[in-house]
Amino acid sequence: MSTLNIEIEKHIKKLVNPLKHPDELLEVLKLKLTKKELKLLKSWAEDMPQKELEESLQVDEERYAQLSTKLIKKLNQEKIKQAMCV
């Protein structure tokens, strides 16, 4: 299982079906998330430090927190979960 799949599973409250293959999952995420949200998720999967991530995304700590919250909410939306699962 890819690190991206593992990272997604950390943030989803209830997952009924397994996630798609990493390549297919990435395609779904590209359609459903903004570029910054996708970059944030990938960076979490790579264990990038928060300060480095903030610089990379060109956001301050408050905006980073908002982006993180929005991303986790999106990952838990039923339509997006269905699209990510097999």
PDB file of N, CA and C in Angstrom:
ATOM      1  N   MET A   1       0.852  -1.187   0.000  1.00  0.00           N
ATOM      2  CA  MET A   1       0.000   0.000   0.000  1.00  0.00           C
ATOM      3  C   MET A   1       0.892   1.243   0.000  1.00  0.00           C
ATOM      4  N   SER A   2       0.494   2.228  -0.766  1.00  0.00           N
ATOM      5  CA  SER A   2       1.319   3.432  -0.876  1.00  0.00           C
ATOM      6  C   SER A   2       1.154   4.316   0.355  1.00  0.00           C
ATOM      7  N   THR A   3       2.116   5.207   0.547  1.00  0.00           N
ATOM      8  CA  THR A   3       2.051   6.121   1.686  1.00  0.00           C
ATOM      9  C   THR A   3       0.864   7.070   1.552  1.00  0.00           C
ATOM     10  N   LEU A   4       0.475   7.394   0.323  1.00  0.00           N
ATOM     11  CA  LEU A   4      -0.677   8.261   0.104  1.00  0.00           C
ATOM     12  C   LEU A   4      -1.951   7.566   0.596  1.00  0.00           C
ATOM     13  N   ASN A   5      -2.105   6.279   0.273  1.00  0.00           N
ATOM     14  CA  ASN A   5      -3.269   5.520   0.744  1.00  0.00           C
ATOM     15  C   ASN A   5      -3.300   5.490   2.275  1.00  0.00           C
ATOM     16  N   ILE A   6      -2.165   5.252   2.881  1.00  0.00           N
ATOM     17  CA  ILE A   6      -2.079   5.184   4.343  1.00  0.00           C
ATOM     18  C   ILE A   6      -2.456   6.527   4.948  1.00  0.00           C
ATOM     19  N   GLU A   7      -1.954   7.599   4.362  1.00  0.00           N
ATOM     20  CA  GLU A   7      -2.246   8.942   4.869  1.00  0.00           C
ATOM     21  C   GLU A   7      -3.743   9.246   4.767  1.00  0.00           C
ATOM     22  N   ILE A   8      -4.352   8.884   3.671  1.00  0.00           N
ATOM     23  CA  ILE A   8      -5.787   9.117   3.501  1.00  0.00           C
ATOM     24  C   ILE A   8      -6.575   8.343   4.552  1.00  0.00           C
ATOM     25  N   GLU A   9      -6.202   7.100   4.776  1.00  0.00           N
ATOM     26  CA  GLU A   9      -6.905   6.277   5.756  1.00  0.00           C
ATOM     27  C   GLU A   9      -6.806   6.854   7.168  1.00  0.00           C
ATOM     28  N   LYS A  10      -5.732   7.571   7.464  1.00  0.00           N
ATOM     29  CA  LYS A  10      -5.579   8.211   8.780  1.00  0.00           C
ATOM     30  C   LYS A  10      -6.648   9.267   9.010  1.00  0.00           C
ATOM     31  N   HIS A  11      -7.077   9.937   7.947  1.00  0.00           N
ATOM     32  CA  HIS A  11      -7.958  11.090   8.069  1.00  0.00           C
ATOM     33  C   HIS A  11      -9.428  10.796   7.802  1.00  0.00           C
ATOM     34  N   ILE A  12      -9.726   9.619   7.295  1.00  0.00           N
ATOM     35  CA  ILE A  12     -11.116   9.281   7.008  1.00  0.00           C
ATOM     36  C   ILE A  12     -11.711   8.573   8.221  1.00  0.00           C
ATOM     37  N   LYS A  13     -12.870   9.058   8.654  1.00  0.00           N
ATOM     38  CA  LYS A  13     -13.505   8.520   9.850  1.00  0.00           C
ATOM     39  C   LYS A  13     -14.023   7.107   9.655  1.00  0.00           C
ATOM     40  N   LYS A  14     -14.739   6.869   8.568  1.00  0.00           N
ATOM     41  CA  LYS A  14     -15.328   5.551   8.340  1.00  0.00           C
ATOM     42  C   LYS A  14     -15.153   5.178   6.878  1.00  0.00           C
ATOM     43  N   LEU A  15     -14.395   4.128   6.650  1.00  0.00           N
ATOM     44  CA  LEU A  15     -14.121   3.678   5.285  1.00  0.00           C
ATOM     45  C   LEU A  15     -14.676   2.268   5.128  1.00  0.00           C
ATOM     46  N   VAL A  16     -15.699   2.098   4.291  1.00  0.00           N
ATOM     47  CA  VAL A  16     -16.374   0.814   4.142  1.00  0.00           C
ATOM     48  C   VAL A  16     -15.614  -0.102   3.190  1.00  0.00           C
ATOM     49  N   ASN A  17     -15.195   0.446   2.060  1.00  0.00           N
ATOM     50  CA  ASN A  17     -14.487  -0.337   1.041  1.00  0.00           C
ATOM     51  C   ASN A  17     -13.016   0.071   0.999  1.00  0.00           C
ATOM     52  N   PRO A  18     -12.154  -0.811   0.469  1.00  0.00           N
ATOM     53  CA  PRO A  18     -10.735  -0.433   0.346  1.00  0.00           C
ATOM     54  C   PRO A  18     -10.543   0.679  -0.687  1.00  0.00           C
ATOM     55  N   LEU A  19      -9.472   1.424  -0.519  1.00  0.00           N
ATOM     56  CA  LEU A  19      -9.143   2.495  -1.458  1.00  0.00           C
ATOM     57  C   LEU A  19      -8.653   1.906  -2.771  1.00  0.00           C
ATOM     58  N   LYS A  20      -8.795   2.677  -3.834  1.00  0.00           N
ATOM     59  CA  LYS A  20      -8.342   2.252  -5.164  1.00  0.00           C
ATOM     60  C   LYS A  20      -6.826   2.126  -5.195  1.00  0.00           C
ATOM     61  N   HIS A  21      -6.336   1.554  -6.280  1.00  0.00           N
ATOM     62  CA  HIS A  21      -4.898   1.451  -6.544  1.00  0.00           C
ATOM     63  C   HIS A  21      -4.332   2.877  -6.530  1.00  0.00           C
ATOM     64  N   PRO A  22      -3.110   3.075  -6.028  1.00  0.00           N
ATOM     65  CA  PRO A  22      -2.541   4.428  -5.912  1.00  0.00           C
ATOM     66  C   PRO A  22      -2.630   5.296  -7.168  1.00  0.00           C
ATOM     67  N   ASP A  23      -2.426   4.724  -8.351  1.00  0.00           N
ATOM     68  CA  ASP A  23      -2.492   5.516  -9.587  1.00  0.00           C
ATOM     69  C   ASP A  23      -3.923   6.006  -9.853  1.00  0.00           C
ATOM     70  N   GLU A  24      -4.890   5.113  -9.659  1.00  0.00           N
ATOM     71  CA  GLU A  24      -6.290   5.480  -9.860  1.00  0.00           C
ATOM     72  C   GLU A  24      -6.720   6.487  -8.800  1.00  0.00           C
ATOM     73  N   LEU A  25      -6.271   6.279  -7.585  1.00  0.00           N
ATOM     74  CA  LEU A  25      -6.608   7.167  -6.471  1.00  0.00           C
ATOM     75  C   LEU A  25      -6.096   8.581  -6.739  1.00  0.00           C
ATOM     76  N   LEU A  26      -4.892   8.676  -7.252  1.00  0.00           N
ATOM     77  CA  LEU A  26      -4.307   9.978  -7.564  1.00  0.00           C
ATOM     78  C   LEU A  26      -5.133  10.723  -8.615  1.00  0.00           C
ATOM     79  N   GLU A  27      -5.626  10.006  -9.615  1.00  0.00           N
ATOM     80  CA  GLU A  27      -6.462  10.619 -10.642  1.00  0.00           C
ATOM     81  C   GLU A  27      -7.756  11.176 -10.039  1.00  0.00           C
ATOM     82  N   VAL A  28      -8.359  10.413  -9.132  1.00  0.00           N
ATOM     83  CA  VAL A  28      -9.585  10.872  -8.465  1.00  0.00           C
ATOM     84  C   VAL A  28      -9.288  12.123  -7.645  1.00  0.00           C
ATOM     85  N   LEU A  29      -8.185  12.100  -6.904  1.00  0.00           N
ATOM     86  CA  LEU A  29      -7.830  13.231  -6.050  1.00  0.00           C
ATOM     87  C   LEU A  29      -7.548  14.489  -6.871  1.00  0.00           C
ATOM     88  N   LYS A  30      -6.942  14.326  -8.037  1.00  0.00           N
ATOM     89  CA  LYS A  30      -6.670  15.474  -8.911  1.00  0.00           C
ATOM     90  C   LYS A  30      -7.965  16.154  -9.339  1.00  0.00           C
ATOM     91  N   LEU A  31      -9.024  15.370  -9.494  1.00  0.00           N
ATOM     92  CA  LEU A  31     -10.320  15.921  -9.900  1.00  0.00           C
ATOM     93  C   LEU A  31     -11.077  16.546  -8.732  1.00  0.00           C
ATOM     94  N   LYS A  32     -10.923  15.976  -7.548  1.00  0.00           N
ATOM     95  CA  LYS A  32     -11.751  16.372  -6.411  1.00  0.00           C
ATOM     96  C   LYS A  32     -11.119  17.426  -5.504  1.00  0.00           C
ATOM     97  N   LEU A  33      -9.786  17.545  -5.517  1.00  0.00           N
ATOM     98  CA  LEU A  33      -9.101  18.473  -4.619  1.00  0.00           C
ATOM     99  C   LEU A  33      -8.464  19.618  -5.395  1.00  0.00           C
ATOM    100  N   THR A  34      -8.206  20.714  -4.692  1.00  0.00           N
ATOM    101  CA  THR A  34      -7.458  21.801  -5.314  1.00  0.00           C
ATOM    102  C   THR A  34      -5.988  21.387  -5.385  1.00  0.00           C
ATOM    103  N   LYS A  35      -5.206  22.115  -6.142  1.00  0.00           N
ATOM    104  CA  LYS A  35      -3.776  21.800  -6.259  1.00  0.00           C
ATOM    105  C   LYS A  35      -3.081  21.894  -4.904  1.00  0.00           C
ATOM    106  N   LYS A  36      -3.439  22.929  -4.120  1.00  0.00           N
ATOM    107  CA  LYS A  36      -2.817  23.087  -2.804  1.00  0.00           C
ATOM    108  C   LYS A  36      -3.213  21.956  -1.862  1.00  0.00           C
ATOM    109  N   GLU A  37      -4.475  21.548  -1.908  1.00  0.00           N
ATOM    110  CA  GLU A  37      -4.926  20.454  -1.041  1.00  0.00           C
ATOM    111  C   GLU A  37      -4.207  19.158  -1.403  1.00  0.00           C
ATOM    112  N   LEU A  38      -4.064  18.902  -2.692  1.00  0.00           N
ATOM    113  CA  LEU A  38      -3.374  17.688  -3.133  1.00  0.00           C
ATOM    114  C   LEU A  38      -1.907  17.730  -2.719  1.00  0.00           C
ATOM    115  N   LYS A  39      -1.280  18.882  -2.887  1.00  0.00           N
ATOM    116  CA  LYS A  39       0.123  19.032  -2.491  1.00  0.00           C
ATOM    117  C   LYS A  39       0.274  18.834  -0.983  1.00  0.00           C
ATOM    118  N   LEU A  40      -0.681  19.347  -0.214  1.00  0.00           N
ATOM    119  CA  LEU A  40      -0.663  19.185   1.241  1.00  0.00           C
ATOM    120  C   LEU A  40      -0.771  17.713   1.611  1.00  0.00           C
ATOM    121  N   LEU A  41      -1.702  17.003   1.003  1.00  0.00           N
ATOM    122  CA  LEU A  41      -1.893  15.585   1.289  1.00  0.00           C
ATOM    123  C   LEU A  41      -0.646  14.775   0.942  1.00  0.00           C
ATOM    124  N   LYS A  42      -0.075  15.047  -0.221  1.00  0.00           N
ATOM    125  CA  LYS A  42       1.156  14.342  -0.620  1.00  0.00           C
ATOM    126  C   LYS A  42       2.296  14.638   0.358  1.00  0.00           C
ATOM    127  N   SER A  43       2.374  15.879   0.818  1.00  0.00           N
ATOM    128  CA  SER A  43       3.437  16.269   1.752  1.00  0.00           C
ATOM    129  C   SER A  43       3.253  15.594   3.102  1.00  0.00           C
ATOM    130  N   TRP A  44       2.008  15.453   3.530  1.00  0.00           N
ATOM    131  CA  TRP A  44       1.745  14.717   4.774  1.00  0.00           C
ATOM    132  C   TRP A  44       2.216  13.282   4.625  1.00  0.00           C
ATOM    133  N   ALA A  45       1.958  12.683   3.472  1.00  0.00           N
ATOM    134  CA  ALA A  45       2.352  11.297   3.221  1.00  0.00           C
ATOM    135  C   ALA A  45       3.875  11.141   3.261  1.00  0.00           C
ATOM    136  N   GLU A  46       4.586  12.222   2.906  1.00  0.00           N
ATOM    137  CA  GLU A  46       6.056  12.193   2.909  1.00  0.00           C
ATOM    138  C   GLU A  46       6.642  12.669   4.237  1.00  0.00           C
ATOM    139  N   ASP A  47       5.786  12.952   5.231  1.00  0.00           N
ATOM    140  CA  ASP A  47       6.208  13.426   6.553  1.00  0.00           C
ATOM    141  C   ASP A  47       7.022  14.716   6.504  1.00  0.00           C
ATOM    142  N   MET A  48       6.618  15.621   5.635  1.00  0.00           N
ATOM    143  CA  MET A  48       7.303  16.909   5.543  1.00  0.00           C
ATOM    144  C   MET A  48       6.957  17.755   6.775  1.00  0.00           C
ATOM    145  N   PRO A  49       7.944  18.417   7.386  1.00  0.00           N
ATOM    146  CA  PRO A  49       7.671  19.275   8.549  1.00  0.00           C
ATOM    147  C   PRO A  49       6.714  20.413   8.193  1.00  0.00           C
ATOM    148  N   GLN A  50       5.889  20.821   9.157  1.00  0.00           N
ATOM    149  CA  GLN A  50       4.864  21.836   8.906  1.00  0.00           C
ATOM    150  C   GLN A  50       5.453  23.149   8.413  1.00  0.00           C
ATOM    151  N   LYS A  51       6.525  23.614   9.014  1.00  0.00           N
ATOM    152  CA  LYS A  51       7.121  24.900   8.594  1.00  0.00           C
ATOM    153  C   LYS A  51       7.567  24.836   7.133  1.00  0.00           C
ATOM    154  N   GLU A  52       8.177  23.728   6.768  1.00  0.00           N
ATOM    155  CA  GLU A  52       8.634  23.538   5.386  1.00  0.00           C
ATOM    156  C   GLU A  52       7.437  23.505   4.432  1.00  0.00           C
ATOM    157  N   LEU A  53       6.366  22.864   4.883  1.00  0.00           N
ATOM    158  CA  LEU A  53       5.146  22.781   4.100  1.00  0.00           C
ATOM    159  C   LEU A  53       4.519  24.151   3.898  1.00  0.00           C
ATOM    160  N   GLU A  54       4.475  24.952   4.956  1.00  0.00           N
ATOM    161  CA  GLU A  54       3.924  26.301   4.864  1.00  0.00           C
ATOM    162  C   GLU A  54       4.688  27.128   3.834  1.00  0.00           C
ATOM    163  N   GLU A  55       6.010  27.000   3.847  1.00  0.00           N
ATOM    164  CA  GLU A  55       6.837  27.717   2.867  1.00  0.00           C
ATOM    165  C   GLU A  55       6.561  27.215   1.459  1.00  0.00           C
ATOM    166  N   SER A  56       6.478  25.906   1.320  1.00  0.00           N
ATOM    167  CA  SER A  56       6.240  25.293   0.025  1.00  0.00           C
ATOM    168  C   SER A  56       4.891  25.729  -0.563  1.00  0.00           C
ATOM    169  N   LEU A  57       3.886  25.824   0.292  1.00  0.00           N
ATOM    170  CA  LEU A  57       2.545  26.213  -0.151  1.00  0.00           C
ATOM    171  C   LEU A  57       2.358  27.729  -0.162  1.00  0.00           C
ATOM    172  N   GLN A  58       3.342  28.435   0.361  1.00  0.00           N
ATOM    173  CA  GLN A  58       3.313  29.900   0.459  1.00  0.00           C
ATOM    174  C   GLN A  58       2.091  30.375   1.258  1.00  0.00           C
ATOM    175  N   VAL A  59       1.907  29.773   2.445  1.00  0.00           N
ATOM    176  CA  VAL A  59       0.813  30.152   3.344  1.00  0.00           C
ATOM    177  C   VAL A  59       1.363  30.367   4.748  1.00  0.00           C
ATOM    178  N   ASP A  60       0.605  31.132   5.551  1.00  0.00           N
ATOM    179  CA  ASP A  60       1.006  31.308   6.946  1.00  0.00           C
ATOM    180  C   ASP A  60       0.362  30.193   7.784  1.00  0.00           C
ATOM    181  N   GLU A  61       0.647  30.206   9.088  1.00  0.00           N
ATOM    182  CA  GLU A  61       0.177  29.133   9.968  1.00  0.00           C
ATOM    183  C   GLU A  61      -1.355  29.052  10.010  1.00  0.00           C
ATOM    184  N   GLU A  62      -2.010  30.219  10.018  1.00  0.00           N
ATOM    185  CA  GLU A  62      -3.479  30.243  10.075  1.00  0.00           C
ATOM    186  C   GLU A  62      -4.087  29.662   8.800  1.00  0.00           C
ATOM    187  N   ARG A  63      -3.570  30.064   7.662  1.00  0.00           N
ATOM    188  CA  ARG A  63      -4.066  29.559   6.377  1.00  0.00           C
ATOM    189  C   ARG A  63      -3.780  28.060   6.243  1.00  0.00           C
ATOM    190  N   TYR A  64      -2.642  27.619   6.763  1.00  0.00           N
ATOM    191  CA  TYR A  64      -2.288  26.200   6.755  1.00  0.00           C
ATOM    192  C   TYR A  64      -3.337  25.399   7.534  1.00  0.00           C
ATOM    193  N   ALA A  65      -3.714  25.913   8.696  1.00  0.00           N
ATOM    194  CA  ALA A  65      -4.711  25.243   9.535  1.00  0.00           C
ATOM    195  C   ALA A  65      -6.056  25.168   8.808  1.00  0.00           C
ATOM    196  N   GLN A  66      -6.443  26.252   8.156  1.00  0.00           N
ATOM    197  CA  GLN A  66      -7.703  26.278   7.408  1.00  0.00           C
ATOM    198  C   GLN A  66      -7.670  25.272   6.256  1.00  0.00           C
ATOM    199  N   LEU A  67      -6.559  25.249   5.544  1.00  0.00           N
ATOM    200  CA  LEU A  67      -6.400  24.338   4.411  1.00  0.00           C
ATOM    201  C   LEU A  67      -6.457  22.879   4.876  1.00  0.00           C
ATOM    202  N   SER A  68      -5.800  22.588   5.987  1.00  0.00           N
ATOM    203  CA  SER A  68      -5.794  21.228   6.544  1.00  0.00           C
ATOM    204  C   SER A  68      -7.200  20.789   6.920  1.00  0.00           C
ATOM    205  N   THR A  69      -7.927  21.676   7.596  1.00  0.00           N
ATOM    206  CA  THR A  69      -9.292  21.368   8.030  1.00  0.00           C
ATOM    207  C   THR A  69     -10.199  21.116   6.822  1.00  0.00           C
ATOM    208  N   LYS A  70     -10.088  21.983   5.830  1.00  0.00           N
ATOM    209  CA  LYS A  70     -10.907  21.850   4.618  1.00  0.00           C
ATOM    210  C   LYS A  70     -10.599  20.534   3.894  1.00  0.00           C
ATOM    211  N   LEU A  71      -9.327  20.181   3.821  1.00  0.00           N
ATOM    212  CA  LEU A  71      -8.910  18.940   3.165  1.00  0.00           C
ATOM    213  C   LEU A  71      -9.504  17.722   3.875  1.00  0.00           C
ATOM    214  N   ILE A  72      -9.401  17.693   5.187  1.00  0.00           N
ATOM    215  CA  ILE A  72      -9.919  16.542   5.945  1.00  0.00           C
ATOM    216  C   ILE A  72     -11.439  16.448   5.789  1.00  0.00           C
ATOM    217  N   LYS A  73     -12.121  17.590   5.792  1.00  0.00           N
ATOM    218  CA  LYS A  73     -13.576  17.574   5.582  1.00  0.00           C
ATOM    219  C   LYS A  73     -13.913  17.019   4.202  1.00  0.00           C
ATOM    220  N   LYS A  74     -13.159  17.433   3.191  1.00  0.00           N
ATOM    221  CA  LYS A  74     -13.407  16.938   1.831  1.00  0.00           C
ATOM    222  C   LYS A  74     -13.202  15.430   1.756  1.00  0.00           C
ATOM    223  N   LEU A  75     -12.129  14.937   2.372  1.00  0.00           N
ATOM    224  CA  LEU A  75     -11.844  13.500   2.331  1.00  0.00           C
ATOM    225  C   LEU A  75     -12.960  12.685   2.985  1.00  0.00           C
ATOM    226  N   ASN A  76     -13.703  13.302   3.888  1.00  0.00           N
ATOM    227  CA  ASN A  76     -14.772  12.605   4.590  1.00  0.00           C
ATOM    228  C   ASN A  76     -16.149  12.796   3.951  1.00  0.00           C
ATOM    229  N   GLN A  77     -16.219  13.536   2.849  1.00  0.00           N
ATOM    230  CA  GLN A  77     -17.499  13.677   2.146  1.00  0.00           C
ATOM    231  C   GLN A  77     -17.834  12.360   1.450  1.00  0.00           C
ATOM    232  N   GLU A  78     -19.080  11.963   1.553  1.00  0.00           N
ATOM    233  CA  GLU A  78     -19.504  10.668   1.019  1.00  0.00           C
ATOM    234  C   GLU A  78     -19.196  10.513  -0.466  1.00  0.00           C
ATOM    235  N   LYS A  79     -19.472  11.527  -1.281  1.00  0.00           N
ATOM    236  CA  LYS A  79     -19.227  11.416  -2.736  1.00  0.00           C
ATOM    237  C   LYS A  79     -17.747  11.201  -3.030  1.00  0.00           C
ATOM    238  N   ILE A  80     -16.898  11.899  -2.303  1.00  0.00           N
ATOM    239  CA  ILE A  80     -15.463  11.764  -2.539  1.00  0.00           C
ATOM    240  C   ILE A  80     -14.968  10.409  -2.041  1.00  0.00           C
ATOM    241  N   LYS A  81     -15.479   9.970  -0.895  1.00  0.00           N
ATOM    242  CA  LYS A  81     -15.092   8.636  -0.390  1.00  0.00           C
ATOM    243  C   LYS A  81     -15.480   7.554  -1.386  1.00  0.00           C
ATOM    244  N   GLN A  82     -16.674   7.661  -1.958  1.00  0.00           N
ATOM    245  CA  GLN A  82     -17.119   6.673  -2.938  1.00  0.00           C
ATOM    246  C   GLN A  82     -16.220   6.676  -4.162  1.00  0.00           C
ATOM    247  N   ALA A  83     -15.800   7.846  -4.591  1.00  0.00           N
ATOM    248  CA  ALA A  83     -14.931   7.952  -5.764  1.00  0.00           C
ATOM    249  C   ALA A  83     -13.537   7.366  -5.485  1.00  0.00           C
ATOM    250  N   MET A  84     -13.096   7.454  -4.235  1.00  0.00           N
ATOM    251  CA  MET A  84     -11.759   6.968  -3.881  1.00  0.00           C
ATOM    252  C   MET A  84     -11.712   5.457  -3.637  1.00  0.00           C
ATOM    253  N   CYS A  85     -12.874   4.865  -3.391  1.00  0.00           N
ATOM    254  CA  CYS A  85     -12.915   3.443  -3.053  1.00  0.00           C
ATOM    255  C   CYS A  85     -13.179   2.569  -4.275  1.00  0.00           C
ATOM    256  N   VAL A  86     -12.809   1.293  -4.122  1.00  0.00           N
ATOM    257  CA  VAL A  86     -12.983   0.302  -5.181  1.00  0.00           C
ATOM    258  C   VAL A  86     -14.461   0.021  -5.358  1.00  0.00           C
TER     259      VAL A  86
END
